[in-house]
Amino acid sequence: MPRLYGQNKKNMTTKIFPFNPIETNCFVCYDDTKNCVIIDPSCSNENEYNHLFDFIKNENLAVKYVIITHPHVDHLAGSARVCEEYNLPLTMHKAGLTQFGMAMQHAEYLGLKLDRLPENHNYVEDGDIIKFGNSEFKVLHTPGHADGSICLVDFAGKTVFTGDVLFHGSVGRTDLMGGNFETLKQSIYEKLFVLGDDFTVRPGHGGRTDIDFERHNNPYL
């Protein structure tokens, strides 16, 4: 079931859907203009697609971007169908393409349904701005967990969507293809910890945390 809404200081609303057996957080972010983005459309079955599509329809939202924070299959799972539903390319970092070839194999291993991948891509780089309605995200390239990992910063609401880079009390695993623990720590210290202690962290799995807590309590850092 979807979790409760969260609203930032500039009235951006975030709806969270923990999808697929790994409970990957799919985020729908929108503001008063009703323009929205979908982050990590990780649907794995018809019921999850219906939850997401019905919510967007019932809220009368206009989807402007479908974004993945990184190309691991639990985040990529529903992207092809969601992109087709809204006639949009998949927004991602180009470095993530190196892992697309492994997606089908990983899906089968994890018991996820993945019959196709998005064919059209919109590539973003470090420092790019993604605008929708009256809101915007700044893209941070944050490798270390996976090739092409990005985080999305909402400076107005002091929130950062971290994918699998940083969690509450933990960090992304680095024993998979593209993983490197020293690179991951560098991404966290140089890209996330400089944002400020009052920034809320919305990770790709589990509940929210903040930079202050992770700076002082995360055992991996």
C-alpha atoms as a PDB file:
ATOM      1  CA  MET A   1       0.000   0.000   0.000  1.00  0.00           C
ATOM      2  CA  PRO A   2       1.192   3.559  -0.628  1.00  0.00           C
ATOM      3  CA  ARG A   3       2.603   5.457   2.313  1.00  0.00           C
ATOM      4  CA  LEU A   4       1.392   8.847   3.481  1.00  0.00           C
ATOM      5  CA  TYR A   5       2.071  12.045   1.670  1.00  0.00           C
ATOM      6  CA  GLY A   6       4.945  14.321   2.592  1.00  0.00           C
ATOM      7  CA  GLN A   7       4.959  18.033   1.780  1.00  0.00           C
ATOM      8  CA  ASN A   8       7.946  20.354   1.607  1.00  0.00           C
ATOM      9  CA  LYS A   9       8.229  24.072   2.299  1.00  0.00           C
ATOM     10  CA  LYS A  10       7.396  24.966  -1.312  1.00  0.00           C
ATOM     11  CA  ASN A  11       4.319  22.733  -1.403  1.00  0.00           C
ATOM     12  CA  MET A  12       5.842  19.876  -3.359  1.00  0.00           C
ATOM     13  CA  THR A  13       3.985  16.728  -2.383  1.00  0.00           C
ATOM     14  CA  THR A  14       5.636  13.305  -2.410  1.00  0.00           C
ATOM     15  CA  LYS A  15       3.683  10.061  -2.555  1.00  0.00           C
ATOM     16  CA  ILE A  16       5.597   6.862  -1.817  1.00  0.00           C
ATOM     17  CA  PHE A  17       4.732   3.436  -3.191  1.00  0.00           C
ATOM     18  CA  PRO A  18       6.873   0.546  -1.875  1.00  0.00           C
ATOM     19  CA  PHE A  19       6.742  -1.742  -4.906  1.00  0.00           C
ATOM     20  CA  ASN A  20       7.957  -5.253  -5.795  1.00  0.00           C
ATOM     21  CA  PRO A  21       9.140  -7.979  -3.381  1.00  0.00           C
ATOM     22  CA  ILE A  22      12.184  -5.898  -2.431  1.00  0.00           C
ATOM     23  CA  GLU A  23       9.958  -2.946  -1.420  1.00  0.00           C
ATOM     24  CA  THR A  24      11.655  -0.393  -3.637  1.00  0.00           C
ATOM     25  CA  ASN A  25      10.338   3.118  -3.039  1.00  0.00           C
ATOM     26  CA  CYS A  26       8.620   4.551  -6.090  1.00  0.00           C
ATOM     27  CA  PHE A  27       8.106   8.292  -5.600  1.00  0.00           C
ATOM     28  CA  VAL A  28       5.558  10.542  -7.288  1.00  0.00           C
ATOM     29  CA  CYS A  29       6.469  14.199  -6.730  1.00  0.00           C
ATOM     30  CA  TYR A  30       4.194  17.058  -7.730  1.00  0.00           C
ATOM     31  CA  ASP A  31       3.241  20.615  -6.820  1.00  0.00           C
ATOM     32  CA  ASP A  32       0.219  22.877  -7.104  1.00  0.00           C
ATOM     33  CA  THR A  33       0.519  22.948 -10.899  1.00  0.00           C
ATOM     34  CA  LYS A  34      -0.248  19.184 -10.942  1.00  0.00           C
ATOM     35  CA  ASN A  35       2.900  18.531 -12.980  1.00  0.00           C
ATOM     36  CA  CYS A  36       4.798  15.552 -11.612  1.00  0.00           C
ATOM     37  CA  VAL A  37       7.781  13.255 -11.940  1.00  0.00           C
ATOM     38  CA  ILE A  38       7.963   9.536 -11.201  1.00  0.00           C
ATOM     39  CA  ILE A  39      11.199   8.371  -9.570  1.00  0.00           C
ATOM     40  CA  ASP A  40      12.090   4.664  -9.776  1.00  0.00           C
ATOM     41  CA  PRO A  41       8.899   3.175 -11.291  1.00  0.00           C
ATOM     42  CA  SER A  42       9.570  -0.235  -9.785  1.00  0.00           C
ATOM     43  CA  CYS A  43       6.230  -1.975 -10.424  1.00  0.00           C
ATOM     44  CA  SER A  44       6.365  -5.770 -10.632  1.00  0.00           C
ATOM     45  CA  ASN A  45       2.733  -6.809 -11.169  1.00  0.00           C
ATOM     46  CA  GLU A  46      -0.620  -5.574 -12.449  1.00  0.00           C
ATOM     47  CA  ASN A  47      -1.840  -4.531  -9.023  1.00  0.00           C
ATOM     48  CA  GLU A  48       1.154  -2.230  -8.550  1.00  0.00           C
ATOM     49  CA  TYR A  49       0.753  -0.661 -11.989  1.00  0.00           C
ATOM     50  CA  ASN A  50      -2.904  -0.015 -11.186  1.00  0.00           C
ATOM     51  CA  HIS A  51      -2.020   1.625  -7.863  1.00  0.00           C
ATOM     52  CA  LEU A  52       0.379   3.992  -9.596  1.00  0.00           C
ATOM     53  CA  PHE A  53      -1.743   4.775 -12.664  1.00  0.00           C
ATOM     54  CA  ASP A  54      -4.949   5.203 -10.650  1.00  0.00           C
ATOM     55  CA  PHE A  55      -3.260   7.582  -8.231  1.00  0.00           C
ATOM     56  CA  ILE A  56      -1.934   9.761 -11.045  1.00  0.00           C
ATOM     57  CA  LYS A  57      -5.321   9.759 -12.765  1.00  0.00           C
ATOM     58  CA  ASN A  58      -7.298  10.484  -9.597  1.00  0.00           C
ATOM     59  CA  GLU A  59      -4.979  13.363  -8.654  1.00  0.00           C
ATOM     60  CA  ASN A  60      -5.206  14.694 -12.233  1.00  0.00           C
ATOM     61  CA  LEU A  61      -1.424  14.772 -12.556  1.00  0.00           C
ATOM     62  CA  ALA A  62       0.581  15.388 -15.722  1.00  0.00           C
ATOM     63  CA  VAL A  63       3.705  13.229 -15.788  1.00  0.00           C
ATOM     64  CA  LYS A  64       6.679  15.164 -17.162  1.00  0.00           C
ATOM     65  CA  TYR A  65       9.555  12.787 -16.373  1.00  0.00           C
ATOM     66  CA  VAL A  66      10.092   9.127 -15.549  1.00  0.00           C
ATOM     67  CA  ILE A  67      13.457   8.864 -13.783  1.00  0.00           C
ATOM     68  CA  ILE A  68      15.583   6.035 -12.429  1.00  0.00           C
ATOM     69  CA  THR A  69      18.200   6.720  -9.772  1.00  0.00           C
ATOM     70  CA  HIS A  70      20.248   3.755 -11.027  1.00  0.00           C
ATOM     71  CA  PRO A  71      19.756   0.747 -13.311  1.00  0.00           C
ATOM     72  CA  HIS A  72      19.475  -2.107 -10.809  1.00  0.00           C
ATOM     73  CA  VAL A  73      16.497  -4.206 -11.753  1.00  0.00           C
ATOM     74  CA  ASP A  74      14.435  -3.554  -8.608  1.00  0.00           C
ATOM     75  CA  HIS A  75      14.377   0.150  -9.559  1.00  0.00           C
ATOM     76  CA  LEU A  76      14.166  -0.409 -13.304  1.00  0.00           C
ATOM     77  CA  ALA A  77      11.466  -3.084 -13.218  1.00  0.00           C
ATOM     78  CA  GLY A  78       8.363  -1.113 -14.250  1.00  0.00           C
ATOM     79  CA  SER A  79      10.060   1.581 -16.303  1.00  0.00           C
ATOM     80  CA  ALA A  80       9.233   0.327 -19.813  1.00  0.00           C
ATOM     81  CA  ARG A  81       5.494   0.137 -19.255  1.00  0.00           C
ATOM     82  CA  VAL A  82       5.352   3.368 -17.242  1.00  0.00           C
ATOM     83  CA  CYS A  83       7.273   5.229 -19.954  1.00  0.00           C
ATOM     84  CA  GLU A  84       4.907   3.827 -22.584  1.00  0.00           C
ATOM     85  CA  GLU A  85       1.857   4.808 -20.522  1.00  0.00           C
ATOM     86  CA  TYR A  86       2.914   8.465 -20.502  1.00  0.00           C
ATOM     87  CA  ASN A  87       4.767   8.505 -23.850  1.00  0.00           C
ATOM     88  CA  LEU A  88       8.038   9.581 -22.248  1.00  0.00           C
ATOM     89  CA  PRO A  89      11.675   8.499 -22.503  1.00  0.00           C
ATOM     90  CA  LEU A  90      13.419   7.091 -19.457  1.00  0.00           C
ATOM     91  CA  THR A  91      15.517   9.771 -17.773  1.00  0.00           C
ATOM     92  CA  MET A  92      18.804   8.385 -16.463  1.00  0.00           C
ATOM     93  CA  HIS A  93      22.568   8.861 -16.413  1.00  0.00           C
ATOM     94  CA  LYS A  94      24.196   7.420 -19.524  1.00  0.00           C
ATOM     95  CA  ALA A  95      26.760   5.484 -17.476  1.00  0.00           C
ATOM     96  CA  GLY A  96      23.908   3.251 -16.326  1.00  0.00           C
ATOM     97  CA  LEU A  97      23.586   1.710 -19.788  1.00  0.00           C
ATOM     98  CA  THR A  98      26.485  -0.620 -18.977  1.00  0.00           C
ATOM     99  CA  GLN A  99      24.189  -2.551 -16.630  1.00  0.00           C
ATOM    100  CA  PHE A 100      21.139  -2.790 -18.885  1.00  0.00           C
ATOM    101  CA  GLY A 101      22.493  -5.981 -20.410  1.00  0.00           C
ATOM    102  CA  MET A 102      22.355  -7.718 -17.035  1.00  0.00           C
ATOM    103  CA  ALA A 103      18.843  -6.598 -16.140  1.00  0.00           C
ATOM    104  CA  MET A 104      16.972  -9.614 -17.486  1.00  0.00           C
ATOM    105  CA  GLN A 105      19.288 -12.045 -15.739  1.00  0.00           C
ATOM    106  CA  HIS A 106      19.036 -10.181 -12.441  1.00  0.00           C
ATOM    107  CA  ALA A 107      15.242 -10.019 -12.724  1.00  0.00           C
ATOM    108  CA  GLU A 108      14.983 -13.779 -13.083  1.00  0.00           C
ATOM    109  CA  TYR A 109      17.327 -14.297 -10.123  1.00  0.00           C
ATOM    110  CA  LEU A 110      15.247 -11.982  -7.908  1.00  0.00           C
ATOM    111  CA  GLY A 111      11.897 -13.293  -9.096  1.00  0.00           C
ATOM    112  CA  LEU A 112      10.888 -10.008 -10.727  1.00  0.00           C
ATOM    113  CA  LYS A 113       8.947  -9.709 -13.971  1.00  0.00           C
ATOM    114  CA  LEU A 114      10.889  -7.810 -16.618  1.00  0.00           C
ATOM    115  CA  ASP A 115       9.821  -8.561 -20.180  1.00  0.00           C
ATOM    116  CA  ARG A 116      11.387  -5.490 -21.837  1.00  0.00           C
ATOM    117  CA  LEU A 117      13.432  -2.357 -21.197  1.00  0.00           C
ATOM    118  CA  PRO A 118      12.710   1.242 -22.265  1.00  0.00           C
ATOM    119  CA  GLU A 119      14.045   1.917 -25.752  1.00  0.00           C
ATOM    120  CA  ASN A 120      14.076   5.726 -25.542  1.00  0.00           C
ATOM    121  CA  HIS A 121      16.323   7.515 -23.087  1.00  0.00           C
ATOM    122  CA  ASN A 122      16.826  11.069 -21.870  1.00  0.00           C
ATOM    123  CA  TYR A 123      20.323  11.396 -20.436  1.00  0.00           C
ATOM    124  CA  VAL A 124      21.218  13.721 -17.572  1.00  0.00           C
ATOM    125  CA  GLU A 125      24.612  14.698 -16.188  1.00  0.00           C
ATOM    126  CA  ASP A 126      25.922  15.977 -12.883  1.00  0.00           C
ATOM    127  CA  GLY A 127      24.582  19.475 -12.245  1.00  0.00           C
ATOM    128  CA  ASP A 128      21.642  19.280 -14.656  1.00  0.00           C
ATOM    129  CA  ILE A 129      18.317  20.773 -13.557  1.00  0.00           C
ATOM    130  CA  ILE A 130      15.060  18.873 -14.068  1.00  0.00           C
ATOM    131  CA  LYS A 131      12.131  21.312 -14.024  1.00  0.00           C
ATOM    132  CA  PHE A 132       8.441  20.454 -13.668  1.00  0.00           C
ATOM    133  CA  GLY A 133       5.700  22.892 -12.783  1.00  0.00           C
ATOM    134  CA  ASN A 134       7.089  25.331 -10.199  1.00  0.00           C
ATOM    135  CA  SER A 135       9.544  22.755  -8.887  1.00  0.00           C
ATOM    136  CA  GLU A 136      12.953  21.480  -9.857  1.00  0.00           C
ATOM    137  CA  PHE A 137      15.557  18.863  -9.003  1.00  0.00           C
ATOM    138  CA  LYS A 138      19.311  19.208  -9.327  1.00  0.00           C
ATOM    139  CA  VAL A 139      21.016  16.040 -10.548  1.00  0.00           C
ATOM    140  CA  LEU A 140      24.027  14.760  -8.611  1.00  0.00           C
ATOM    141  CA  HIS A 141      26.111  12.004 -10.164  1.00  0.00           C
ATOM    142  CA  THR A 142      26.884   9.726  -7.212  1.00  0.00           C
ATOM    143  CA  PRO A 143      28.652   6.521  -8.329  1.00  0.00           C
ATOM    144  CA  GLY A 144      29.836   3.795  -5.988  1.00  0.00           C
ATOM    145  CA  HIS A 145      26.754   1.608  -5.627  1.00  0.00           C
ATOM    146  CA  ALA A 146      26.070   1.229  -9.351  1.00  0.00           C
ATOM    147  CA  ASP A 147      27.185   2.725 -12.639  1.00  0.00           C
ATOM    148  CA  GLY A 148      25.106   5.781 -13.404  1.00  0.00           C
ATOM    149  CA  SER A 149      23.760   6.342  -9.885  1.00  0.00           C
ATOM    150  CA  ILE A 150      22.200   9.760  -9.412  1.00  0.00           C
ATOM    151  CA  CYS A 151      20.621  11.619  -6.512  1.00  0.00           C
ATOM    152  CA  LEU A 152      17.960  14.301  -6.981  1.00  0.00           C
ATOM    153  CA  VAL A 153      18.045  17.433  -4.830  1.00  0.00           C
ATOM    154  CA  ASP A 154      15.019  19.598  -4.104  1.00  0.00           C
ATOM    155  CA  PHE A 155      16.732  22.669  -2.630  1.00  0.00           C
ATOM    156  CA  ALA A 156      13.449  24.513  -2.002  1.00  0.00           C
ATOM    157  CA  GLY A 157      12.189  21.704   0.208  1.00  0.00           C
ATOM    158  CA  LYS A 158      15.626  20.695   1.527  1.00  0.00           C
ATOM    159  CA  THR A 159      15.135  17.110   0.417  1.00  0.00           C
ATOM    160  CA  VAL A 160      17.364  14.693  -1.475  1.00  0.00           C
ATOM    161  CA  PHE A 161      16.247  11.460  -3.142  1.00  0.00           C
ATOM    162  CA  THR A 162      19.246   9.161  -2.787  1.00  0.00           C
ATOM    163  CA  GLY A 163      18.293   5.910  -4.504  1.00  0.00           C
ATOM    164  CA  ASP A 164      20.544   3.227  -3.018  1.00  0.00           C
ATOM    165  CA  VAL A 165      23.447   5.546  -2.230  1.00  0.00           C
ATOM    166  CA  LEU A 166      22.467   6.423   1.355  1.00  0.00           C
ATOM    167  CA  PHE A 167      19.939   4.837   3.720  1.00  0.00           C
ATOM    168  CA  HIS A 168      18.873   5.304   7.316  1.00  0.00           C
ATOM    169  CA  GLY A 169      21.892   3.941   9.165  1.00  0.00           C
ATOM    170  CA  SER A 170      23.355   2.272   6.102  1.00  0.00           C
ATOM    171  CA  VAL A 171      24.719   2.731   2.584  1.00  0.00           C
ATOM    172  CA  GLY A 172      24.279   0.948  -0.727  1.00  0.00           C
ATOM    173  CA  ARG A 173      26.030  -2.377  -1.148  1.00  0.00           C
ATOM    174  CA  THR A 174      29.208  -2.302  -3.228  1.00  0.00           C
ATOM    175  CA  ASP A 175      29.690  -5.996  -4.034  1.00  0.00           C
ATOM    176  CA  LEU A 176      27.662  -5.818  -7.259  1.00  0.00           C
ATOM    177  CA  MET A 177      28.747  -4.772 -10.749  1.00  0.00           C
ATOM    178  CA  GLY A 178      29.807  -1.120 -10.692  1.00  0.00           C
ATOM    179  CA  GLY A 179      30.197  -1.049  -6.919  1.00  0.00           C
ATOM    180  CA  ASN A 180      33.182   0.481  -5.136  1.00  0.00           C
ATOM    181  CA  PHE A 181      33.071   1.361  -1.453  1.00  0.00           C
ATOM    182  CA  GLU A 182      35.663   4.146  -1.589  1.00  0.00           C
ATOM    183  CA  THR A 183      33.886   5.728  -4.550  1.00  0.00           C
ATOM    184  CA  LEU A 184      30.562   5.464  -2.708  1.00  0.00           C
ATOM    185  CA  LYS A 185      31.976   7.181   0.393  1.00  0.00           C
ATOM    186  CA  GLN A 186      33.428   9.926  -1.787  1.00  0.00           C
ATOM    187  CA  SER A 187      30.018  10.480  -3.398  1.00  0.00           C
ATOM    188  CA  ILE A 188      28.347  10.730   0.008  1.00  0.00           C
ATOM    189  CA  TYR A 189      30.933  13.048   1.556  1.00  0.00           C
ATOM    190  CA  GLU A 190      31.408  15.312  -1.460  1.00  0.00           C
ATOM    191  CA  LYS A 191      27.879  15.413  -2.883  1.00  0.00           C
ATOM    192  CA  LEU A 192      25.421  14.682  -0.041  1.00  0.00           C
ATOM    193  CA  PHE A 193      27.017  15.768   3.220  1.00  0.00           C
ATOM    194  CA  VAL A 194      27.738  19.227   1.776  1.00  0.00           C
ATOM    195  CA  LEU A 195      23.995  19.830   1.340  1.00  0.00           C
ATOM    196  CA  GLY A 196      23.492  20.657   5.003  1.00  0.00           C
ATOM    197  CA  ASP A 197      22.405  18.797   8.124  1.00  0.00           C
ATOM    198  CA  ASP A 198      18.775  19.908   7.777  1.00  0.00           C
ATOM    199  CA  PHE A 199      18.224  18.095   4.470  1.00  0.00           C
ATOM    200  CA  THR A 200      15.764  15.221   4.552  1.00  0.00           C
ATOM    201  CA  VAL A 201      16.980  12.011   2.888  1.00  0.00           C
ATOM    202  CA  ARG A 202      14.435   9.905   0.999  1.00  0.00           C
ATOM    203  CA  PRO A 203      16.174   6.635   0.119  1.00  0.00           C
ATOM    204  CA  GLY A 204      15.269   3.954  -2.390  1.00  0.00           C
ATOM    205  CA  HIS A 205      14.301   1.515   0.359  1.00  0.00           C
ATOM    206  CA  GLY A 206      12.970   2.065   3.862  1.00  0.00           C
ATOM    207  CA  GLY A 207      12.010   5.250   5.657  1.00  0.00           C
ATOM    208  CA  ARG A 208      13.360   8.747   5.602  1.00  0.00           C
ATOM    209  CA  THR A 209      16.330  10.067   7.527  1.00  0.00           C
ATOM    210  CA  ASP A 210      18.386  13.277   7.400  1.00  0.00           C
ATOM    211  CA  ILE A 211      21.941  14.335   6.714  1.00  0.00           C
ATOM    212  CA  ASP A 212      22.598  15.302  10.349  1.00  0.00           C
ATOM    213  CA  PHE A 213      21.685  11.823  11.644  1.00  0.00           C
ATOM    214  CA  GLU A 214      23.722  10.015   9.005  1.00  0.00           C
ATOM    215  CA  ARG A 215      26.739  12.255   9.442  1.00  0.00           C
ATOM    216  CA  HIS A 216      26.908  11.487  13.153  1.00  0.00           C
ATOM    217  CA  ASN A 217      25.442   7.985  13.434  1.00  0.00           C
ATOM    218  CA  ASN A 218      25.895   6.002  10.219  1.00  0.00           C
ATOM    219  CA  PRO A 219      28.337   3.175  11.111  1.00  0.00           C
ATOM    220  CA  TYR A 220      29.607   2.922   7.511  1.00  0.00           C
ATOM    221  CA  LEU A 221      30.675   6.573   7.446  1.00  0.00           C
END
